[in-house]
Amino acid sequence: MDNQQNNNAPYHAQEYIDHPPMDVMCVVSFCVSVFAGITCGVLSGISLILSIIGLVKVRKNGKRGKGLAIAGIIISSVSLVILIIMFILIFSVGVLSGLKDYSSRQTVVRHNEEIAAQIDDEDGRYVKGFGSYDVDEEWMEADASDADQMYIYCLRGTYDPSSDEVPNNIMVSHGANFYSEAEHMDFKNAILRQLNDQIKGTDVEEITGSGYTSGNGYTVYRFNMTGGDTEQIQFYIVGDREYVLVSVMVWDKDAAEDDDIVSVAEEIVDSFEWA
């Protein structure tokens, strides 16, 4: 019996040499590296370490799996590089976004300081490319776009550029149209049709309008839109194929009683002079 076992030993040794078993570590490392590749780098560091360990082991124990280990190293390395690039891009976008936001806030702060000085120097008179008008000294120009000819005014102390909360405000903007000054009735009807289209699907319940002559002799049409949580009043100062819109947005009706926003808007309209 002992002689038979001894005779079989060389046979098993030769079979191990000719057909070595698969190394478990190489199989595991390859599977983990494939998972890392599919998930854009998740566990790529771990799979890289396992693949290197598997490669070292098969070189020592003579088992199969060298190809799997090398494939695992390649896949893990590529996945790890992709993961690092993704982190760098995300970090860079976050930094750039933060810098842009900070720069934007600083620009608004500097602009507000300049406007405050302008109000003190010019007694509240604002001069734009299309005309000039007075704004109550308690109000400030919170945002301005000379390119779009649009300017927004808020009560001092209510505008915070870092906050998403929008205070009651007055917007002054300039636009062009196809109507001459003598055709102001046609202009009024066109605006009314436009407003009726705009309020469809909104909580605005009613539009009322009226017309009058401003303090400087210009035709003005006023439209009140009521209903829901907000209230909007639009003043259209009619020019020759152009107009100025003074729009009142009331988000806080209680605050509107204290800041007297409608009277401030009426002052802008009455003091307006075309350039």
C-alpha atoms as a PDB file:
ATOM      1  CA  MET A   1       0.000   0.000   0.000  1.00  0.00           C
ATOM      2  CA  ASP A   2       2.798   2.385   0.912  1.00  0.00           C
ATOM      3  CA  ASN A   3       4.616   1.527  -2.264  1.00  0.00           C
ATOM      4  CA  GLN A   4       1.505   2.369  -4.310  1.00  0.00           C
ATOM      5  CA  GLN A   5       1.183   5.817  -2.657  1.00  0.00           C
ATOM      6  CA  ASN A   6       4.846   6.524  -3.315  1.00  0.00           C
ATOM      7  CA  ASN A   7       4.443   5.525  -6.940  1.00  0.00           C
ATOM      8  CA  ASN A   8       1.490   7.944  -7.346  1.00  0.00           C
ATOM      9  CA  ALA A   9       3.301  10.920  -5.822  1.00  0.00           C
ATOM     10  CA  PRO A  10       5.416  11.740  -8.909  1.00  0.00           C
ATOM     11  CA  TYR A  11       2.269  11.485 -11.022  1.00  0.00           C
ATOM     12  CA  HIS A  12       0.393  14.086  -8.913  1.00  0.00           C
ATOM     13  CA  ALA A  13       3.397  16.381  -8.887  1.00  0.00           C
ATOM     14  CA  GLN A  14       3.665  16.238 -12.659  1.00  0.00           C
ATOM     15  CA  GLU A  15      -0.076  16.874 -13.010  1.00  0.00           C
ATOM     16  CA  TYR A  16       0.261  19.983 -10.778  1.00  0.00           C
ATOM     17  CA  ILE A  17       3.062  21.229 -12.993  1.00  0.00           C
ATOM     18  CA  ASP A  18       1.188  20.555 -16.230  1.00  0.00           C
ATOM     19  CA  HIS A  19      -2.208  21.830 -14.990  1.00  0.00           C
ATOM     20  CA  PRO A  20      -1.726  24.140 -12.010  1.00  0.00           C
ATOM     21  CA  PRO A  21      -4.881  25.333 -10.224  1.00  0.00           C
ATOM     22  CA  MET A  22      -6.234  28.881 -10.573  1.00  0.00           C
ATOM     23  CA  ASP A  23      -5.150  31.334  -7.884  1.00  0.00           C
ATOM     24  CA  VAL A  24      -8.188  32.604  -5.991  1.00  0.00           C
ATOM     25  CA  MET A  25      -6.646  36.026  -5.354  1.00  0.00           C
ATOM     26  CA  CYS A  26      -6.210  36.644  -9.087  1.00  0.00           C
ATOM     27  CA  VAL A  27      -9.846  35.759  -9.778  1.00  0.00           C
ATOM     28  CA  VAL A  28     -11.103  37.968  -6.958  1.00  0.00           C
ATOM     29  CA  SER A  29      -8.887  40.903  -7.960  1.00  0.00           C
ATOM     30  CA  PHE A  30     -10.015  40.663 -11.597  1.00  0.00           C
ATOM     31  CA  CYS A  31     -13.704  40.637 -10.615  1.00  0.00           C
ATOM     32  CA  VAL A  32     -13.243  43.649  -8.337  1.00  0.00           C
ATOM     33  CA  SER A  33     -11.338  45.517 -11.077  1.00  0.00           C
ATOM     34  CA  VAL A  34     -14.171  44.879 -13.556  1.00  0.00           C
ATOM     35  CA  PHE A  35     -16.624  46.262 -11.000  1.00  0.00           C
ATOM     36  CA  ALA A  36     -14.344  49.304 -10.580  1.00  0.00           C
ATOM     37  CA  GLY A  37     -14.274  49.833 -14.341  1.00  0.00           C
ATOM     38  CA  ILE A  38     -18.063  49.638 -14.648  1.00  0.00           C
ATOM     39  CA  THR A  39     -18.590  52.080 -11.763  1.00  0.00           C
ATOM     40  CA  CYS A  40     -16.028  54.656 -13.015  1.00  0.00           C
ATOM     41  CA  GLY A  41     -13.404  53.956 -10.412  1.00  0.00           C
ATOM     42  CA  VAL A  42     -15.279  52.830  -7.310  1.00  0.00           C
ATOM     43  CA  LEU A  43     -12.992  50.380  -5.404  1.00  0.00           C
ATOM     44  CA  SER A  44     -10.301  50.856  -8.088  1.00  0.00           C
ATOM     45  CA  GLY A  45      -7.641  51.400  -5.412  1.00  0.00           C
ATOM     46  CA  ILE A  46      -8.576  48.167  -3.663  1.00  0.00           C
ATOM     47  CA  SER A  47      -8.723  46.193  -6.904  1.00  0.00           C
ATOM     48  CA  LEU A  48      -5.290  47.519  -7.915  1.00  0.00           C
ATOM     49  CA  ILE A  49      -3.749  46.360  -4.637  1.00  0.00           C
ATOM     50  CA  LEU A  50      -5.445  42.930  -4.889  1.00  0.00           C
ATOM     51  CA  SER A  51      -4.270  42.500  -8.485  1.00  0.00           C
ATOM     52  CA  ILE A  52      -0.671  43.285  -7.549  1.00  0.00           C
ATOM     53  CA  ILE A  53      -0.835  40.823  -4.645  1.00  0.00           C
ATOM     54  CA  GLY A  54      -2.308  38.181  -6.947  1.00  0.00           C
ATOM     55  CA  LEU A  55       0.459  38.702  -9.520  1.00  0.00           C
ATOM     56  CA  VAL A  56       3.162  38.371  -6.852  1.00  0.00           C
ATOM     57  CA  LYS A  57       1.537  35.198  -5.486  1.00  0.00           C
ATOM     58  CA  VAL A  58       1.296  33.355  -8.815  1.00  0.00           C
ATOM     59  CA  ARG A  59       4.939  34.119  -9.536  1.00  0.00           C
ATOM     60  CA  LYS A  60       5.829  32.358  -6.277  1.00  0.00           C
ATOM     61  CA  ASN A  61       3.357  29.476  -6.139  1.00  0.00           C
ATOM     62  CA  GLY A  62       3.230  28.678  -9.861  1.00  0.00           C
ATOM     63  CA  LYS A  63      -0.557  28.734 -10.030  1.00  0.00           C
ATOM     64  CA  ARG A  64      -2.559  30.084 -12.946  1.00  0.00           C
ATOM     65  CA  GLY A  65      -4.073  33.565 -12.997  1.00  0.00           C
ATOM     66  CA  LYS A  66      -1.182  35.741 -14.132  1.00  0.00           C
ATOM     67  CA  GLY A  67      -3.200  37.048 -17.084  1.00  0.00           C
ATOM     68  CA  LEU A  68      -6.166  37.888 -14.843  1.00  0.00           C
ATOM     69  CA  ALA A  69      -3.886  39.716 -12.411  1.00  0.00           C
ATOM     70  CA  ILE A  70      -2.274  41.771 -15.188  1.00  0.00           C
ATOM     71  CA  ALA A  71      -5.691  42.576 -16.670  1.00  0.00           C
ATOM     72  CA  GLY A  72      -6.876  43.592 -13.210  1.00  0.00           C
ATOM     73  CA  ILE A  73      -3.889  45.913 -12.791  1.00  0.00           C
ATOM     74  CA  ILE A  74      -4.560  47.588 -16.166  1.00  0.00           C
ATOM     75  CA  ILE A  75      -8.307  47.993 -15.599  1.00  0.00           C
ATOM     76  CA  SER A  76      -7.806  49.221 -12.028  1.00  0.00           C
ATOM     77  CA  SER A  77      -5.147  51.742 -13.087  1.00  0.00           C
ATOM     78  CA  VAL A  78      -7.330  53.177 -15.859  1.00  0.00           C
ATOM     79  CA  SER A  79     -10.362  53.328 -13.531  1.00  0.00           C
ATOM     80  CA  LEU A  80      -8.296  55.011 -10.823  1.00  0.00           C
ATOM     81  CA  VAL A  81      -7.049  57.642 -13.283  1.00  0.00           C
ATOM     82  CA  ILE A  82     -10.625  58.309 -14.436  1.00  0.00           C
ATOM     83  CA  LEU A  83     -11.757  58.614 -10.815  1.00  0.00           C
ATOM     84  CA  ILE A  84      -8.960  61.092 -10.027  1.00  0.00           C
ATOM     85  CA  ILE A  85      -9.803  63.179 -13.123  1.00  0.00           C
ATOM     86  CA  MET A  86     -13.477  63.237 -12.123  1.00  0.00           C
ATOM     87  CA  PHE A  87     -12.606  64.435  -8.621  1.00  0.00           C
ATOM     88  CA  ILE A  88     -10.319  67.131 -10.049  1.00  0.00           C
ATOM     89  CA  LEU A  89     -13.043  68.333 -12.443  1.00  0.00           C
ATOM     90  CA  ILE A  90     -15.714  68.383  -9.734  1.00  0.00           C
ATOM     91  CA  PHE A  91     -13.391  70.234  -7.359  1.00  0.00           C
ATOM     92  CA  SER A  92     -12.400  72.722 -10.069  1.00  0.00           C
ATOM     93  CA  VAL A  93     -16.026  73.411 -11.012  1.00  0.00           C
ATOM     94  CA  GLY A  94     -16.908  73.937  -7.352  1.00  0.00           C
ATOM     95  CA  VAL A  95     -13.994  76.323  -6.831  1.00  0.00           C
ATOM     96  CA  LEU A  96     -14.761  78.283 -10.012  1.00  0.00           C
ATOM     97  CA  SER A  97     -18.461  78.470  -9.111  1.00  0.00           C
ATOM     98  CA  GLY A  98     -17.584  79.743  -5.643  1.00  0.00           C
ATOM     99  CA  LEU A  99     -15.197  82.335  -7.051  1.00  0.00           C
ATOM    100  CA  LYS A 100     -17.772  83.461  -9.601  1.00  0.00           C
ATOM    101  CA  ASP A 101     -20.458  83.747  -6.919  1.00  0.00           C
ATOM    102  CA  TYR A 102     -18.102  85.682  -4.656  1.00  0.00           C
ATOM    103  CA  SER A 103     -17.087  87.959  -7.520  1.00  0.00           C
ATOM    104  CA  SER A 104     -20.737  88.553  -8.394  1.00  0.00           C
ATOM    105  CA  ARG A 105     -21.585  89.475  -4.805  1.00  0.00           C
ATOM    106  CA  GLN A 106     -18.596  91.808  -4.603  1.00  0.00           C
ATOM    107  CA  THR A 107     -19.637  93.464  -7.870  1.00  0.00           C
ATOM    108  CA  VAL A 108     -23.140  94.044  -6.516  1.00  0.00           C
ATOM    109  CA  VAL A 109     -21.736  95.446  -3.266  1.00  0.00           C
ATOM    110  CA  ARG A 110     -19.418  97.837  -5.132  1.00  0.00           C
ATOM    111  CA  HIS A 111     -22.253  98.816  -7.451  1.00  0.00           C
ATOM    112  CA  ASN A 112     -24.538  99.562  -4.516  1.00  0.00           C
ATOM    113  CA  GLU A 113     -21.834 101.726  -2.928  1.00  0.00           C
ATOM    114  CA  GLU A 114     -21.404 103.662  -6.178  1.00  0.00           C
ATOM    115  CA  ILE A 115     -25.151 104.135  -6.508  1.00  0.00           C
ATOM    116  CA  ALA A 116     -25.386 105.346  -2.912  1.00  0.00           C
ATOM    117  CA  ALA A 117     -22.730 107.971  -3.668  1.00  0.00           C
ATOM    118  CA  GLN A 118     -24.537 108.900  -6.879  1.00  0.00           C
ATOM    119  CA  ILE A 119     -27.799 109.457  -5.004  1.00  0.00           C
ATOM    120  CA  ASP A 120     -26.051 111.724  -2.512  1.00  0.00           C
ATOM    121  CA  ASP A 121     -24.290 113.692  -5.256  1.00  0.00           C
ATOM    122  CA  GLU A 122     -27.189 113.982  -7.711  1.00  0.00           C
ATOM    123  CA  ASP A 123     -30.075 114.221  -5.267  1.00  0.00           C
ATOM    124  CA  GLY A 124     -31.724 110.991  -6.452  1.00  0.00           C
ATOM    125  CA  ARG A 125     -31.740 111.810 -10.180  1.00  0.00           C
ATOM    126  CA  TYR A 126     -30.823 108.891 -12.414  1.00  0.00           C
ATOM    127  CA  VAL A 127     -29.630 109.573 -15.952  1.00  0.00           C
ATOM    128  CA  LYS A 128     -29.883 106.723 -18.469  1.00  0.00           C
ATOM    129  CA  GLY A 129     -29.417 106.473 -22.217  1.00  0.00           C
ATOM    130  CA  PHE A 130     -33.157 106.732 -22.899  1.00  0.00           C
ATOM    131  CA  GLY A 131     -34.030 109.368 -20.283  1.00  0.00           C
ATOM    132  CA  SER A 132     -33.777 110.488 -16.669  1.00  0.00           C
ATOM    133  CA  TYR A 133     -35.983 110.233 -13.574  1.00  0.00           C
ATOM    134  CA  ASP A 134     -36.067 110.780  -9.817  1.00  0.00           C
ATOM    135  CA  VAL A 135     -36.038 107.993  -7.247  1.00  0.00           C
ATOM    136  CA  ASP A 136     -36.882 108.468  -3.590  1.00  0.00           C
ATOM    137  CA  GLU A 137     -33.697 108.756  -1.511  1.00  0.00           C
ATOM    138  CA  GLU A 138     -34.838 105.855   0.686  1.00  0.00           C
ATOM    139  CA  TRP A 139     -34.584 103.596  -2.359  1.00  0.00           C
ATOM    140  CA  MET A 140     -31.451 102.329  -4.099  1.00  0.00           C
ATOM    141  CA  GLU A 141     -30.539 100.812  -7.453  1.00  0.00           C
ATOM    142  CA  ALA A 142     -30.062  97.146  -6.552  1.00  0.00           C
ATOM    143  CA  ASP A 143     -29.350  95.771 -10.000  1.00  0.00           C
ATOM    144  CA  ALA A 144     -28.591  97.348 -13.365  1.00  0.00           C
ATOM    145  CA  SER A 145     -28.033  96.193 -16.935  1.00  0.00           C
ATOM    146  CA  ASP A 146     -27.064  98.964 -19.307  1.00  0.00           C
ATOM    147  CA  ALA A 147     -26.966  96.475 -22.185  1.00  0.00           C
ATOM    148  CA  ASP A 148     -30.594  95.424 -21.615  1.00  0.00           C
ATOM    149  CA  GLN A 149     -31.606  98.911 -20.409  1.00  0.00           C
ATOM    150  CA  MET A 150     -33.190  97.439 -17.287  1.00  0.00           C
ATOM    151  CA  TYR A 151     -32.765  98.806 -13.752  1.00  0.00           C
ATOM    152  CA  ILE A 152     -34.198  97.517 -10.469  1.00  0.00           C
ATOM    153  CA  TYR A 153     -34.767  99.563  -7.308  1.00  0.00           C
ATOM    154  CA  CYS A 154     -35.369  98.349  -3.752  1.00  0.00           C
ATOM    155  CA  LEU A 155     -35.899  99.988  -0.396  1.00  0.00           C
ATOM    156  CA  ARG A 156     -32.565 100.411   1.364  1.00  0.00           C
ATOM    157  CA  GLY A 157     -31.814  97.526   3.716  1.00  0.00           C
ATOM    158  CA  THR A 158     -34.160  95.049   1.992  1.00  0.00           C
ATOM    159  CA  TYR A 159     -31.846  93.839  -0.769  1.00  0.00           C
ATOM    160  CA  ASP A 160     -29.355  91.084   0.055  1.00  0.00           C
ATOM    161  CA  PRO A 161     -27.419  89.754  -2.974  1.00  0.00           C
ATOM    162  CA  SER A 162     -26.515  86.563  -1.078  1.00  0.00           C
ATOM    163  CA  SER A 163     -30.159  85.712  -0.341  1.00  0.00           C
ATOM    164  CA  ASP A 164     -32.746  84.057  -2.602  1.00  0.00           C
ATOM    165  CA  GLU A 165     -35.531  86.090  -1.020  1.00  0.00           C
ATOM    166  CA  VAL A 166     -36.821  88.795  -3.370  1.00  0.00           C
ATOM    167  CA  PRO A 167     -37.990  92.056  -1.747  1.00  0.00           C
ATOM    168  CA  ASN A 168     -40.625  94.399  -3.137  1.00  0.00           C
ATOM    169  CA  ASN A 169     -39.035  96.186  -6.076  1.00  0.00           C
ATOM    170  CA  ILE A 170     -39.514  98.597  -8.944  1.00  0.00           C
ATOM    171  CA  MET A 171     -38.099  97.837 -12.378  1.00  0.00           C
ATOM    172  CA  VAL A 172     -37.469 100.559 -14.959  1.00  0.00           C
ATOM    173  CA  SER A 173     -36.844  99.309 -18.510  1.00  0.00           C
ATOM    174  CA  HIS A 174     -36.826 100.717 -22.019  1.00  0.00           C
ATOM    175  CA  GLY A 175     -38.193  99.112 -25.175  1.00  0.00           C
ATOM    176  CA  ALA A 176     -39.067  99.790 -28.789  1.00  0.00           C
ATOM    177  CA  ASN A 177     -42.368  99.262 -30.649  1.00  0.00           C
ATOM    178  CA  PHE A 178     -44.042  99.906 -33.998  1.00  0.00           C
ATOM    179  CA  TYR A 179     -46.371 102.673 -32.790  1.00  0.00           C
ATOM    180  CA  SER A 180     -45.868 106.394 -33.095  1.00  0.00           C
ATOM    181  CA  GLU A 181     -46.695 108.633 -30.173  1.00  0.00           C
ATOM    182  CA  ALA A 182     -49.974 109.588 -31.849  1.00  0.00           C
ATOM    183  CA  GLU A 183     -50.958 105.909 -32.049  1.00  0.00           C
ATOM    184  CA  HIS A 184     -50.842 105.453 -28.278  1.00  0.00           C
ATOM    185  CA  MET A 185     -54.335 103.912 -28.205  1.00  0.00           C
ATOM    186  CA  ASP A 186     -53.197 101.113 -30.518  1.00  0.00           C
ATOM    187  CA  PHE A 187     -50.132 100.654 -28.316  1.00  0.00           C
ATOM    188  CA  LYS A 188     -52.346 100.447 -25.236  1.00  0.00           C
ATOM    189  CA  ASN A 189     -54.569  97.786 -26.847  1.00  0.00           C
ATOM    190  CA  ALA A 190     -51.517  95.756 -27.907  1.00  0.00           C
ATOM    191  CA  ILE A 191     -50.126  95.838 -24.345  1.00  0.00           C
ATOM    192  CA  LEU A 192     -53.503  94.804 -22.925  1.00  0.00           C
ATOM    193  CA  ARG A 193     -53.708  91.821 -25.288  1.00  0.00           C
ATOM    194  CA  GLN A 194     -50.172  90.827 -24.329  1.00  0.00           C
ATOM    195  CA  LEU A 195     -50.937  91.031 -20.612  1.00  0.00           C
ATOM    196  CA  ASN A 196     -54.089  88.946 -21.014  1.00  0.00           C
ATOM    197  CA  ASP A 197     -52.046  86.259 -22.747  1.00  0.00           C
ATOM    198  CA  GLN A 198     -49.416  86.361 -20.019  1.00  0.00           C
ATOM    199  CA  ILE A 199     -51.827  85.838 -17.125  1.00  0.00           C
ATOM    200  CA  LYS A 200     -53.374  82.689 -18.583  1.00  0.00           C
ATOM    201  CA  GLY A 201     -52.667  79.826 -16.228  1.00  0.00           C
ATOM    202  CA  THR A 202     -51.551  82.152 -13.420  1.00  0.00           C
ATOM    203  CA  ASP A 203     -53.317  83.229 -10.236  1.00  0.00           C
ATOM    204  CA  VAL A 204     -53.976  86.772 -11.552  1.00  0.00           C
ATOM    205  CA  GLU A 205     -57.708  87.341 -11.239  1.00  0.00           C
ATOM    206  CA  GLU A 206     -58.193  90.742 -12.841  1.00  0.00           C
ATOM    207  CA  ILE A 207     -56.494  93.416 -14.955  1.00  0.00           C
ATOM    208  CA  THR A 208     -57.650  97.003 -14.669  1.00  0.00           C
ATOM    209  CA  GLY A 209     -56.237  99.884 -16.653  1.00  0.00           C
ATOM    210  CA  SER A 210     -56.295 103.637 -16.841  1.00  0.00           C
ATOM    211  CA  GLY A 211     -54.556 106.408 -18.761  1.00  0.00           C
ATOM    212  CA  TYR A 212     -53.326 109.849 -17.802  1.00  0.00           C
ATOM    213  CA  THR A 213     -50.715 112.501 -18.569  1.00  0.00           C
ATOM    214  CA  SER A 214     -47.482 112.564 -16.554  1.00  0.00           C
ATOM    215  CA  GLY A 215     -46.013 115.617 -14.849  1.00  0.00           C
ATOM    216  CA  ASN A 216     -43.872 116.270 -17.927  1.00  0.00           C
ATOM    217  CA  GLY A 217     -46.756 115.907 -20.374  1.00  0.00           C
ATOM    218  CA  TYR A 218     -46.245 112.302 -21.544  1.00  0.00           C
ATOM    219  CA  THR A 219     -49.058 109.799 -22.111  1.00  0.00           C
ATOM    220  CA  VAL A 220     -49.014 107.086 -19.430  1.00  0.00           C
ATOM    221  CA  TYR A 221     -51.021 103.869 -19.230  1.00  0.00           C
ATOM    222  CA  ARG A 222     -51.322 102.084 -15.905  1.00  0.00           C
ATOM    223  CA  PHE A 223     -52.323  98.431 -15.554  1.00  0.00           C
ATOM    224  CA  ASN A 224     -53.092  96.791 -12.187  1.00  0.00           C
ATOM    225  CA  MET A 225     -52.901  92.985 -11.958  1.00  0.00           C
ATOM    226  CA  THR A 226     -54.444  91.622  -8.794  1.00  0.00           C
ATOM    227  CA  GLY A 227     -55.044  88.196  -7.307  1.00  0.00           C
ATOM    228  CA  GLY A 228     -52.958  85.532  -5.601  1.00  0.00           C
ATOM    229  CA  ASP A 229     -49.983  86.197  -3.382  1.00  0.00           C
ATOM    230  CA  THR A 230     -48.372  88.887  -5.527  1.00  0.00           C
ATOM    231  CA  GLU A 231     -49.538  92.167  -6.969  1.00  0.00           C
ATOM    232  CA  GLN A 232     -48.100  93.862 -10.031  1.00  0.00           C
ATOM    233  CA  ILE A 233     -48.595  97.371 -11.378  1.00  0.00           C
ATOM    234  CA  GLN A 234     -47.212  98.435 -14.744  1.00  0.00           C
ATOM    235  CA  PHE A 235     -46.801 102.024 -15.925  1.00  0.00           C
ATOM    236  CA  TYR A 236     -46.092 102.496 -19.647  1.00  0.00           C
ATOM    237  CA  ILE A 237     -44.673 105.906 -20.570  1.00  0.00           C
ATOM    238  CA  VAL A 238     -45.451 106.306 -24.275  1.00  0.00           C
ATOM    239  CA  GLY A 239     -42.839 107.669 -26.654  1.00  0.00           C
ATOM    240  CA  ASP A 240     -42.456 107.796 -30.424  1.00  0.00           C
ATOM    241  CA  ARG A 241     -42.006 104.112 -31.352  1.00  0.00           C
ATOM    242  CA  GLU A 242     -40.537 103.490 -27.914  1.00  0.00           C
ATOM    243  CA  TYR A 243     -41.708 103.238 -24.350  1.00  0.00           C
ATOM    244  CA  VAL A 244     -40.473 103.067 -20.762  1.00  0.00           C
ATOM    245  CA  LEU A 245     -41.969 100.474 -18.447  1.00  0.00           C
ATOM    246  CA  VAL A 246     -42.044 101.172 -14.715  1.00  0.00           C
ATOM    247  CA  SER A 247     -43.100  97.872 -13.150  1.00  0.00           C
ATOM    248  CA  VAL A 248     -44.004  97.436  -9.476  1.00  0.00           C
ATOM    249  CA  MET A 249     -43.641  93.943  -8.003  1.00  0.00           C
ATOM    250  CA  VAL A 250     -45.252  93.501  -4.592  1.00  0.00           C
ATOM    251  CA  TRP A 251     -44.214  90.210  -2.967  1.00  0.00           C
ATOM    252  CA  ASP A 252     -44.946  91.323   0.602  1.00  0.00           C
ATOM    253  CA  LYS A 253     -48.210  93.258   0.747  1.00  0.00           C
ATOM    254  CA  ASP A 254     -47.743  94.220   4.400  1.00  0.00           C
ATOM    255  CA  ALA A 255     -44.315  95.692   3.658  1.00  0.00           C
ATOM    256  CA  ALA A 256     -45.766  97.556   0.662  1.00  0.00           C
ATOM    257  CA  GLU A 257     -47.893  99.636   3.010  1.00  0.00           C
ATOM    258  CA  ASP A 258     -44.791 100.737   4.914  1.00  0.00           C
ATOM    259  CA  ASP A 259     -42.394 101.314   2.013  1.00  0.00           C
ATOM    260  CA  ASP A 260     -45.050 103.201  -0.027  1.00  0.00           C
ATOM    261  CA  ILE A 261     -43.777 101.495  -3.168  1.00  0.00           C
ATOM    262  CA  VAL A 262     -46.611 102.687  -5.419  1.00  0.00           C
ATOM    263  CA  SER A 263     -45.963 106.352  -4.610  1.00  0.00           C
ATOM    264  CA  VAL A 264     -42.248 105.849  -5.329  1.00  0.00           C
ATOM    265  CA  ALA A 265     -43.117 104.370  -8.736  1.00  0.00           C
ATOM    266  CA  GLU A 266     -45.529 107.222  -9.466  1.00  0.00           C
ATOM    267  CA  GLU A 267     -42.738 109.689  -8.664  1.00  0.00           C
ATOM    268  CA  ILE A 268     -40.469 107.953 -11.175  1.00  0.00           C
ATOM    269  CA  VAL A 269     -43.174 108.179 -13.849  1.00  0.00           C
ATOM    270  CA  ASP A 270     -44.048 111.822 -13.182  1.00  0.00           C
ATOM    271  CA  SER A 271     -40.408 112.949 -13.081  1.00  0.00           C
ATOM    272  CA  PHE A 272     -39.355 111.026 -16.181  1.00  0.00           C
ATOM    273  CA  GLU A 273     -37.932 112.989 -19.127  1.00  0.00           C
ATOM    274  CA  TRP A 274     -36.969 111.482 -22.462  1.00  0.00           C
ATOM    275  CA  ALA A 275     -33.325 111.878 -23.427  1.00  0.00           C
END
